[in-house]
């Protein structure tokens, strides 16, 4: 009996101990879980604080001026250091790009005329200008000229916005301006604006090539222009709209006028109607072909001066031009243009004038045609050649213009251009030209020209 009671007491004590032990384990598990939750909360708080510190650091970096680039040593292999750390155009739209380009070109020319000589300051001593070729004179003349005034510098600004709007601007200069020095010592010349325009999407406003002109069809020449007798060559202020292959523009009007009986031409910028030019171009792997039209209001409006009566009249003028480039394999192409109508101011820097005053001091339009054909052949990646012929003819009312005005002009030229290094061109060109006036007198010009040109 006593033994049984003792065994029962032991079982009771063991059960109580087991219950106490299990209770302790449960209490320990509860404390561990609470500690873990507290630790997680602490880590979350630290992560939030770290995130706030990183955001503050980003804002501070964006607001602070950019640090000067390090100069401690060269970049690691394959790593290209930036040219600069801040934008060139801080006032421009975000994402604006800047392009600077141009070339340095030096020309060396030996020119012979058979019917007189050029004046010392003649523009024709710097480039081929058909209207200045001497005619009817006696004796030949040979002149050597050199200069770097046709070098150019251009800056382009381009932006594409988040809405895919395209806008930008371009300005370009050369040094073919009025002389600021002389050939005795400095050979200094003035900076001249060639292009200055802005564009946004399909619109352009400013000074650039006329829409009537096809720059993509111009042959490569050592001379400033090349087939001058027959090429449209005008830069002027305009507003232009382009959609696909079609362009239309309103351009600055100007009328060149020969006085009754002949003599030096004058210019008139009177009138309220701009020149209207339009062009459509087809393009493909074969090259391109374009058709262009021009409408003009030729106008004179001069007040009376002394015994000279007032002159006021206008005359409608129109012209059409076709031309382009035809690819003949990888090594050859043909470039061409044919233009007819009231074209005088637009051709070859003004081979002759747009109009003449008749016996009643009214304007009489002078029509004509002009064109050129050029063949380009690539011998190697470094050597290429261009052969070209250009001509223009004018229907002068001789009763009013007299017989001293240009009836026609033409020229042949052949060049070879070699590029020993990328962007470096050296070239030689031989040109022979002839100008004839209404009296039948003629004058020939021969020119041998060399150039060295580095583009950037």
Protein backbone atom coordinates (compact mmCIF):
# COMPACT_ATOMS: atom_id res chain seq x y z
CA UNK A 1 0.00 0.00 0.00
CA UNK A 2 2.74 2.38 1.00
CA UNK A 3 4.69 1.37 -2.07
CA UNK A 4 1.71 2.11 -4.29
CA UNK A 5 1.26 5.54 -2.76
CA UNK A 6 4.90 6.39 -3.26
CA UNK A 7 4.73 5.42 -6.99
CA UNK A 8 1.61 7.53 -7.44
CA UNK A 9 3.31 10.51 -5.79
CA UNK A 10 6.28 10.16 -8.14
CA UNK A 11 4.03 10.14 -11.20
CA UNK A 12 2.28 13.26 -9.95
CA UNK A 13 5.58 15.08 -9.39
CA UNK A 14 6.87 14.03 -12.86
CA UNK A 15 3.67 15.22 -14.52
CA UNK A 16 3.87 18.56 -12.75
CA UNK A 17 7.51 18.97 -13.76
CA UNK A 18 6.67 18.13 -17.38
CA UNK A 19 3.88 20.71 -17.42
CA UNK A 20 6.17 23.34 -15.94
CA UNK A 21 8.83 22.49 -18.56
CA UNK A 22 6.39 22.79 -21.47
CA UNK A 23 5.15 26.07 -20.09
CA UNK A 24 8.70 27.40 -19.99
CA UNK A 25 9.32 26.36 -23.59
CA UNK A 26 6.14 28.10 -24.72
CA UNK A 27 7.09 31.20 -22.79
CA UNK A 28 10.59 31.13 -24.39
CA UNK A 29 9.10 30.79 -27.90
CA UNK A 30 6.84 33.77 -27.27
CA UNK A 31 9.77 35.91 -26.18
CA UNK A 32 11.84 34.91 -29.30
CA UNK A 33 9.00 35.78 -31.67
CA UNK A 34 8.60 39.21 -30.07
CA UNK A 35 12.33 39.86 -30.38
CA UNK A 36 12.30 38.86 -34.06
CA UNK A 37 9.42 41.18 -34.84
CA UNK A 38 11.21 44.02 -33.07
CA UNK A 39 14.37 43.36 -35.12
CA UNK A 40 12.42 43.39 -38.40
CA UNK A 41 10.80 46.69 -37.47
CA UNK A 42 14.24 48.11 -36.67
CA UNK A 43 15.63 47.00 -40.07
CA UNK A 44 12.66 48.49 -41.90
CA UNK A 45 13.25 51.80 -40.13
CA UNK A 46 16.94 51.76 -41.07
CA UNK A 47 16.08 50.97 -44.74
CA UNK A 48 13.64 53.89 -44.87
CA UNK A 49 16.26 56.22 -43.42
CA UNK A 50 18.84 55.01 -45.96
CA UNK A 51 16.41 55.55 -48.86
CA UNK A 52 15.69 59.10 -47.69
CA UNK A 53 19.42 59.81 -47.51
CA UNK A 54 19.98 58.54 -51.09
CA UNK A 55 17.13 60.70 -52.46
CA UNK A 56 18.52 63.76 -50.69
CA UNK A 57 21.97 63.07 -52.13
CA UNK A 58 20.51 62.85 -55.68
CA UNK A 59 18.76 66.20 -55.32
CA UNK A 60 21.88 67.84 -53.97
CA UNK A 61 23.98 66.47 -56.87
CA UNK A 62 21.49 67.74 -59.48
CA UNK A 63 21.39 71.21 -57.96
CA UNK A 64 25.15 71.57 -57.52
CA UNK A 65 27.39 72.78 -60.43
CA UNK A 66 29.24 70.09 -62.32
CA UNK A 67 32.69 69.33 -61.00
CA UNK A 68 35.73 69.93 -63.17
CA UNK A 69 36.85 66.81 -65.02
CA UNK A 70 39.59 64.86 -63.33
CA UNK A 71 43.05 65.18 -64.79
CA UNK A 72 44.83 62.64 -62.64
CA UNK A 73 45.47 60.28 -65.49
CA UNK A 74 44.23 58.75 -68.75
CA UNK A 75 40.93 56.93 -69.01
CA UNK A 76 40.78 53.20 -68.72
CA UNK A 77 41.22 51.20 -71.89
CA UNK A 78 38.11 51.43 -74.07
CA UNK A 79 36.62 54.31 -72.07
CA UNK A 80 36.13 57.60 -73.96
CA UNK A 81 36.23 60.73 -71.80
CA UNK A 82 33.58 63.41 -72.55
CA UNK A 83 34.73 66.58 -74.29
CA UNK A 84 32.99 68.63 -71.63
CA UNK A 85 30.82 68.12 -68.57
CA UNK A 86 28.26 70.88 -69.19
CA UNK A 87 26.07 71.65 -72.21
CA UNK A 88 27.19 74.11 -74.88
CA UNK A 89 23.69 75.60 -74.94
CA UNK A 90 22.48 75.99 -71.32
CA UNK A 91 19.45 78.01 -72.43
CA UNK A 92 18.27 75.44 -74.98
CA UNK A 93 15.66 72.70 -74.70
CA UNK A 94 16.71 69.45 -72.99
CA UNK A 95 18.39 67.03 -75.38
CA UNK A 96 19.61 69.73 -77.78
CA UNK A 97 22.62 68.79 -79.91
CA UNK A 98 25.21 71.15 -81.37
CA UNK A 99 27.12 70.52 -84.59
CA UNK A 100 30.09 72.61 -85.68
CA UNK A 101 31.49 72.09 -89.17
CA UNK A 102 32.98 73.69 -92.22
CA UNK A 103 36.23 73.64 -94.14
CA UNK A 104 39.44 75.51 -94.79
CA UNK A 105 39.98 75.97 -98.54
CA UNK A 106 42.80 77.73 -100.34
CA UNK A 107 42.66 78.41 -104.10
CA UNK A 108 45.51 79.09 -106.52
CA UNK A 109 44.48 80.33 -109.98
CA UNK A 110 46.19 81.23 -113.24
CA UNK A 111 43.75 83.04 -115.56
CA UNK A 112 44.13 84.15 -119.17
CA UNK A 113 41.68 86.33 -121.11
CA UNK A 114 42.05 87.06 -124.84
CA UNK A 115 39.98 90.26 -125.17
CA UNK A 116 41.14 92.53 -122.39
CA UNK A 117 41.87 92.16 -118.70
CA UNK A 118 39.94 92.06 -115.44
CA UNK A 119 39.96 95.05 -113.14
CA UNK A 120 42.09 94.68 -110.01
CA UNK A 121 39.02 94.32 -107.79
CA UNK A 122 36.92 92.21 -110.16
CA UNK A 123 34.98 89.38 -108.54
CA UNK A 124 35.81 87.24 -111.58
CA UNK A 125 39.39 87.02 -110.32
CA UNK A 126 38.16 84.93 -107.36
CA UNK A 127 35.62 82.74 -109.15
CA UNK A 128 34.26 82.23 -112.65
CA UNK A 129 31.70 84.98 -113.32
CA UNK A 130 30.49 84.86 -116.96
CA UNK A 131 29.11 88.41 -116.98
CA UNK A 132 32.60 89.82 -116.35
CA UNK A 133 34.48 87.95 -119.08
CA UNK A 134 36.08 90.72 -121.23
CA UNK A 135 34.86 90.93 -124.85
CA UNK A 136 35.85 93.02 -127.84
CA UNK A 137 39.13 94.15 -126.35
CA UNK A 138 42.63 93.95 -127.75
CA UNK A 139 45.41 91.82 -126.44
CA UNK A 140 45.44 89.02 -123.92
CA UNK A 141 46.12 89.20 -120.20
CA UNK A 142 47.31 86.58 -117.69
CA UNK A 143 46.85 86.94 -113.92
CA UNK A 144 47.76 84.84 -110.90
CA UNK A 145 45.46 84.96 -107.84
CA UNK A 146 45.34 83.06 -104.55
CA UNK A 147 43.13 83.23 -101.50
CA UNK A 148 41.41 81.40 -98.65
CA UNK A 149 38.26 83.56 -98.54
CA UNK A 150 35.91 80.71 -99.50
CA UNK A 151 36.64 78.84 -96.26
CA UNK A 152 33.47 78.25 -94.19
CA UNK A 153 32.28 77.80 -90.63
CA UNK A 154 28.80 76.60 -89.67
CA UNK A 155 26.90 75.88 -86.44
CA UNK A 156 23.78 73.73 -86.31
CA UNK A 157 21.39 73.42 -83.34
CA UNK A 158 18.91 70.52 -83.40
CA UNK A 159 16.26 69.36 -80.92
CA UNK A 160 13.66 66.60 -80.84
CA UNK A 161 11.12 67.13 -78.03
CA UNK A 162 9.30 64.48 -75.97
CA UNK A 163 6.34 64.93 -78.34
CA UNK A 164 8.64 64.24 -81.33
CA UNK A 165 8.55 67.85 -82.52
CA UNK A 166 11.68 68.77 -84.48
CA UNK A 167 13.15 72.23 -84.25
CA UNK A 168 16.52 73.87 -84.64
CA UNK A 169 18.60 76.46 -86.44
CA UNK A 170 21.65 76.78 -88.67
CA UNK A 171 24.04 79.63 -89.37
CA UNK A 172 27.05 79.56 -91.72
CA UNK A 173 29.67 82.11 -92.72
CA UNK A 174 32.45 82.42 -95.25
CA UNK A 175 35.02 85.18 -95.72
CA UNK A 176 33.95 86.44 -99.12
CA UNK A 177 32.91 89.81 -97.73
CA UNK A 178 34.16 93.32 -98.28
CA UNK A 179 37.90 93.65 -98.06
CA UNK A 180 39.18 94.93 -94.71
CA UNK A 181 42.79 94.94 -95.86
CA UNK A 182 44.76 94.45 -99.07
CA UNK A 183 47.12 92.02 -100.72
CA UNK A 184 50.11 94.15 -99.74
CA UNK A 185 50.22 92.77 -96.22
CA UNK A 186 47.20 91.28 -94.43
CA UNK A 187 44.85 89.90 -97.13
CA UNK A 188 42.03 90.46 -94.65
CA UNK A 189 38.39 89.98 -95.62
CA UNK A 190 35.05 90.38 -93.88
CA UNK A 191 32.88 87.65 -92.44
CA UNK A 192 29.80 87.05 -94.64
CA UNK A 193 26.55 85.31 -93.68
CA UNK A 194 25.68 82.51 -96.10
CA UNK A 195 22.85 80.77 -94.25
CA UNK A 196 20.84 81.84 -91.20
CA UNK A 197 17.53 80.07 -90.61
CA UNK A 198 15.38 78.32 -88.02
CA UNK A 199 13.07 75.37 -88.59
CA UNK A 200 10.30 73.62 -86.73
CA UNK A 201 8.74 70.41 -88.06
CA UNK A 202 7.69 71.19 -91.67
CA UNK A 203 8.40 74.94 -91.55
CA UNK A 204 11.59 76.91 -92.24
CA UNK A 205 12.17 80.65 -91.94
CA UNK A 206 15.39 82.49 -92.73
CA UNK A 207 18.06 82.79 -95.38
CA UNK A 208 19.12 79.72 -97.32
CA UNK A 209 19.14 78.26 -100.84
CA UNK A 210 16.11 79.10 -102.96
CA UNK A 211 13.53 76.33 -103.28
CA UNK A 212 13.88 76.85 -107.04
CA UNK A 213 17.47 75.57 -106.77
CA UNK A 214 18.45 71.88 -106.69
CA UNK A 215 21.63 71.72 -104.60
CA UNK A 216 21.76 67.90 -104.78
CA UNK A 217 22.33 68.10 -108.55
CA UNK A 218 25.36 70.40 -108.32
CA UNK A 219 28.56 68.84 -109.70
CA UNK A 220 31.72 68.77 -107.57
CA UNK A 221 33.99 71.58 -108.73
CA UNK A 222 37.28 73.18 -107.70
CA UNK A 223 35.78 76.55 -108.62
CA UNK A 224 33.34 78.14 -106.16
CA UNK A 225 30.28 77.18 -108.26
CA UNK A 226 31.33 75.12 -111.26
CA UNK A 227 28.88 75.13 -114.22
CA UNK A 228 28.08 78.79 -113.51
CA UNK A 229 26.73 79.67 -116.98
CA UNK A 230 23.77 77.29 -116.62
CA UNK A 231 23.11 76.76 -112.91
CA UNK A 232 20.45 78.26 -110.63
CA UNK A 233 22.40 79.81 -107.76
CA UNK A 234 20.54 82.01 -105.24
CA UNK A 235 20.48 82.29 -101.45
CA UNK A 236 17.79 84.56 -100.00
CA UNK A 237 15.36 85.06 -97.08
CA UNK A 238 12.21 82.97 -97.30
CA UNK A 239 9.52 81.06 -95.46
CA UNK A 240 9.20 77.46 -96.67
CA UNK A 241 6.81 74.60 -96.08
CA UNK A 242 7.88 70.99 -96.78
CA UNK A 243 5.70 67.90 -96.80
CA UNK A 244 7.15 64.68 -98.12
CA UNK A 245 8.83 65.37 -101.46
CA UNK A 246 7.02 68.68 -102.00
CA UNK A 247 8.27 72.15 -101.05
CA UNK A 248 6.74 75.60 -101.49
CA UNK A 249 8.14 78.96 -100.40
CA UNK A 250 7.68 82.73 -100.43
CA UNK A 251 11.05 84.34 -101.14
CA UNK A 252 12.61 87.79 -101.22
CA UNK A 253 11.82 89.56 -104.52
CA UNK A 254 14.35 91.55 -106.51
CA UNK A 255 14.35 92.87 -110.08
CA UNK A 256 17.47 93.66 -112.09
CA UNK A 257 16.95 96.29 -114.79
CA UNK A 258 18.99 97.43 -117.79
CA UNK A 259 18.48 101.13 -118.54
CA UNK A 260 17.09 102.01 -121.96
CA UNK A 261 19.91 101.94 -124.49
CA UNK A 262 22.14 99.73 -122.33
CA UNK A 263 24.61 100.38 -119.57
CA UNK A 264 25.16 99.16 -116.00
CA UNK A 265 22.20 97.24 -114.59
CA UNK A 266 20.35 98.51 -111.53
CA UNK A 267 18.37 96.62 -108.89
CA UNK A 268 14.86 97.31 -107.65
CA UNK A 269 13.43 95.82 -104.46
CA UNK A 270 10.03 97.55 -104.71
CA UNK A 271 6.71 95.77 -104.58
CA UNK A 272 4.62 93.83 -102.10
CA UNK A 273 4.59 90.43 -103.84
CA UNK A 274 7.30 87.91 -102.93
CA UNK A 275 8.70 85.39 -105.39
CA UNK A 276 6.76 82.12 -105.22
CA UNK A 277 8.80 78.94 -105.70
CA UNK A 278 7.68 75.31 -105.58
CA UNK A 279 9.48 72.00 -106.09
CA UNK A 280 8.64 68.28 -106.24
CA UNK A 281 11.36 65.63 -106.19
CA UNK A 282 11.26 61.91 -106.96
CA UNK A 283 14.00 59.86 -105.24
CA UNK A 284 15.28 56.32 -105.45
CA UNK A 285 18.38 54.14 -105.62
CA UNK A 286 18.67 55.33 -109.24
CA UNK A 287 19.19 58.94 -108.07
CA UNK A 288 16.65 61.77 -108.08
CA UNK A 289 14.63 63.93 -110.47
CA UNK A 290 12.99 67.26 -109.65
CA UNK A 291 10.62 69.74 -111.22
CA UNK A 292 10.49 73.33 -109.95
CA UNK A 293 8.41 76.38 -110.80
CA UNK A 294 8.90 80.10 -110.13
CA UNK A 295 6.47 83.04 -110.28
CA UNK A 296 7.83 86.60 -110.09
CA UNK A 297 6.50 90.14 -110.06
CA UNK A 298 9.14 92.21 -111.86
CA UNK A 299 8.66 95.78 -110.66
CA UNK A 300 10.17 99.26 -110.78
CA UNK A 301 8.95 102.27 -108.76
CA UNK A 302 11.19 105.35 -108.82
CA UNK A 303 10.22 108.95 -108.05
CA UNK A 304 11.03 111.75 -110.45
CA UNK A 305 14.51 113.26 -110.09
CA UNK A 306 15.34 116.52 -111.88
CA UNK A 307 14.52 116.09 -115.52
CA UNK A 308 14.10 112.32 -115.13
CA UNK A 309 10.41 111.42 -114.91
CA UNK A 310 8.96 109.01 -112.38
CA UNK A 311 9.09 105.36 -113.43
CA UNK A 312 6.48 102.90 -112.19
CA UNK A 313 5.60 99.61 -113.84
CA UNK A 314 5.38 95.87 -113.21
CA UNK A 315 5.64 92.78 -115.35
CA UNK A 316 4.73 89.19 -114.59
CA UNK A 317 7.51 86.61 -114.95
CA UNK A 318 7.61 82.85 -114.65
CA UNK A 319 10.13 80.04 -115.03
CA UNK A 320 10.37 76.26 -114.87
CA UNK A 321 13.34 74.01 -114.17
CA UNK A 322 13.98 70.27 -114.38
CA UNK A 323 17.08 68.42 -113.26
CA UNK A 324 18.61 65.83 -111.02
CA UNK A 325 21.18 63.10 -110.64
CA UNK A 326 21.26 59.75 -112.41
CA UNK A 327 23.41 57.01 -110.86
CA UNK A 328 25.25 54.78 -113.34
CA UNK A 329 26.59 52.02 -111.11
CA UNK A 330 28.89 52.65 -108.16
CA UNK A 331 31.53 54.65 -110.02
CA UNK A 332 29.61 57.00 -112.31
CA UNK A 333 26.75 59.49 -112.22
CA UNK A 334 25.26 62.15 -114.47
CA UNK A 335 24.06 65.49 -113.06
CA UNK A 336 22.00 67.88 -115.14
CA UNK A 337 19.64 70.86 -115.16
CA UNK A 338 17.59 72.75 -117.74
CA UNK A 339 15.80 76.02 -116.89
CA UNK A 340 13.75 78.44 -118.97
CA UNK A 341 11.70 81.62 -118.58
CA UNK A 342 12.26 84.76 -116.52
CA UNK A 343 15.46 83.43 -114.96
CA UNK A 344 18.19 86.04 -115.32
CA UNK A 345 18.74 86.97 -111.64
CA UNK A 346 18.62 83.30 -110.68
CA UNK A 347 21.27 82.09 -113.13
CA UNK A 348 25.03 82.22 -112.61
CA UNK A 349 25.08 85.19 -110.21
CA UNK A 350 23.26 87.27 -112.81
CA UNK A 351 24.71 86.57 -116.25
CA UNK A 352 22.39 89.31 -117.51
CA UNK A 353 19.35 91.23 -116.19
CA UNK A 354 15.67 90.38 -115.73
CA UNK A 355 14.28 93.33 -117.69
CA UNK A 356 14.91 96.54 -119.61
CA UNK A 357 13.11 99.88 -119.79
CA UNK A 358 11.46 100.50 -123.16
CA UNK A 359 10.77 103.80 -124.91
CA UNK A 360 7.84 104.53 -122.58
CA UNK A 361 9.87 103.65 -119.45
CA UNK A 362 7.84 100.47 -119.03
CA UNK A 363 9.46 97.17 -118.09
CA UNK A 364 10.18 94.67 -120.84
CA UNK A 365 10.99 91.20 -119.46
CA UNK A 366 14.07 89.37 -120.75
CA UNK A 367 13.55 85.62 -121.05
CA UNK A 368 16.16 82.97 -121.64
CA UNK A 369 17.24 79.40 -121.01
CA UNK A 370 20.17 77.84 -119.19
CA UNK A 371 21.45 74.37 -118.43
CA UNK A 372 24.38 72.11 -117.69
CA UNK A 373 25.44 68.49 -117.99
CA UNK A 374 28.12 66.89 -115.81
CA UNK A 375 29.68 63.42 -115.63
CA UNK A 376 31.37 62.25 -112.43
CA UNK A 377 33.69 59.22 -112.42
CA UNK A 378 35.27 57.61 -109.36
CA UNK A 379 38.57 55.93 -110.17
CA UNK A 380 39.38 54.78 -106.63
CA UNK A 381 38.24 55.60 -103.10
CA UNK A 382 40.75 58.45 -103.17
CA UNK A 383 40.57 59.75 -106.76
CA UNK A 384 37.59 61.11 -108.69
CA UNK A 385 36.98 63.35 -111.72
CA UNK A 386 34.24 65.62 -113.07
CA UNK A 387 33.64 66.74 -116.65
CA UNK A 388 30.98 69.42 -117.23
CA UNK A 389 29.49 71.73 -119.84
CA UNK A 390 27.20 74.71 -119.14
CA UNK A 391 25.45 77.27 -121.34
CA UNK A 392 22.86 80.04 -121.19
CA UNK A 393 21.19 82.17 -123.88
CA UNK A 394 18.98 85.27 -123.58
CA UNK A 395 16.32 86.85 -125.79
CA UNK A 396 17.29 90.50 -125.45
CA UNK A 397 15.06 93.19 -127.04
CA UNK A 398 18.07 94.83 -128.69
CA UNK A 399 16.09 97.96 -129.62
CA UNK A 400 16.06 98.79 -125.89
CA UNK A 401 19.09 96.98 -124.44
CA UNK A 402 21.56 97.96 -127.12
CA UNK A 403 24.15 95.54 -128.45
CA UNK A 404 26.47 95.51 -125.45
CA UNK A 405 24.46 93.02 -123.36
CA UNK A 406 25.27 89.33 -123.00
CA UNK A 407 23.68 87.18 -125.67
CA UNK A 408 25.08 83.86 -124.46
CA UNK A 409 27.86 82.33 -122.41
CA UNK A 410 29.26 78.83 -122.12
CA UNK A 411 32.08 76.90 -120.47
CA UNK A 412 33.75 73.50 -120.32
CA UNK A 413 35.70 72.26 -117.32
CA UNK A 414 37.53 69.11 -116.24
CA UNK A 415 38.87 68.41 -112.76
CA UNK A 416 40.63 65.72 -110.75
CA UNK A 417 40.22 65.61 -106.98
CA UNK A 418 42.43 63.44 -104.80
CA UNK A 419 41.83 62.67 -101.12
CA UNK A 420 45.06 61.29 -99.60
CA UNK A 421 43.51 61.34 -96.11
CA UNK A 422 39.89 61.42 -94.90
CA UNK A 423 38.40 64.94 -95.19
CA UNK A 424 41.49 66.24 -97.02
CA UNK A 425 41.05 67.11 -100.72
CA UNK A 426 43.58 68.42 -103.21
CA UNK A 427 42.34 69.21 -106.69
CA UNK A 428 43.18 70.65 -110.07
CA UNK A 429 40.70 72.01 -112.62
CA UNK A 430 40.98 73.41 -116.11
CA UNK A 431 38.20 75.63 -117.48
CA UNK A 432 37.65 77.33 -120.82
CA UNK A 433 34.74 79.73 -121.30
CA UNK A 434 33.33 82.11 -123.87
CA UNK A 435 30.97 85.09 -123.64
CA UNK A 436 29.24 86.69 -126.65
CA UNK A 437 27.35 89.98 -126.67
CA UNK A 438 24.56 91.08 -129.03
CA UNK A 439 26.99 92.93 -131.30
CA UNK A 440 28.68 89.63 -132.11
CA UNK A 441 31.86 90.42 -130.19
CA UNK A 442 33.25 87.51 -128.19
CA UNK A 443 35.73 86.96 -125.42
CA UNK A 444 37.43 83.79 -124.20
CA UNK A 445 38.75 82.87 -120.77
CA UNK A 446 41.05 80.01 -119.71
CA UNK A 447 41.74 79.17 -116.08
CA UNK A 448 43.94 76.61 -114.37
CA UNK A 449 42.99 76.28 -110.72
CA UNK A 450 44.43 74.31 -107.79
CA UNK A 451 42.93 73.86 -104.35
CA UNK A 452 43.73 72.39 -100.93
CA UNK A 453 40.71 71.76 -98.70
CA UNK A 454 40.32 70.29 -95.22
CA UNK A 455 36.76 69.64 -94.02
CA UNK A 456 35.72 69.22 -90.40
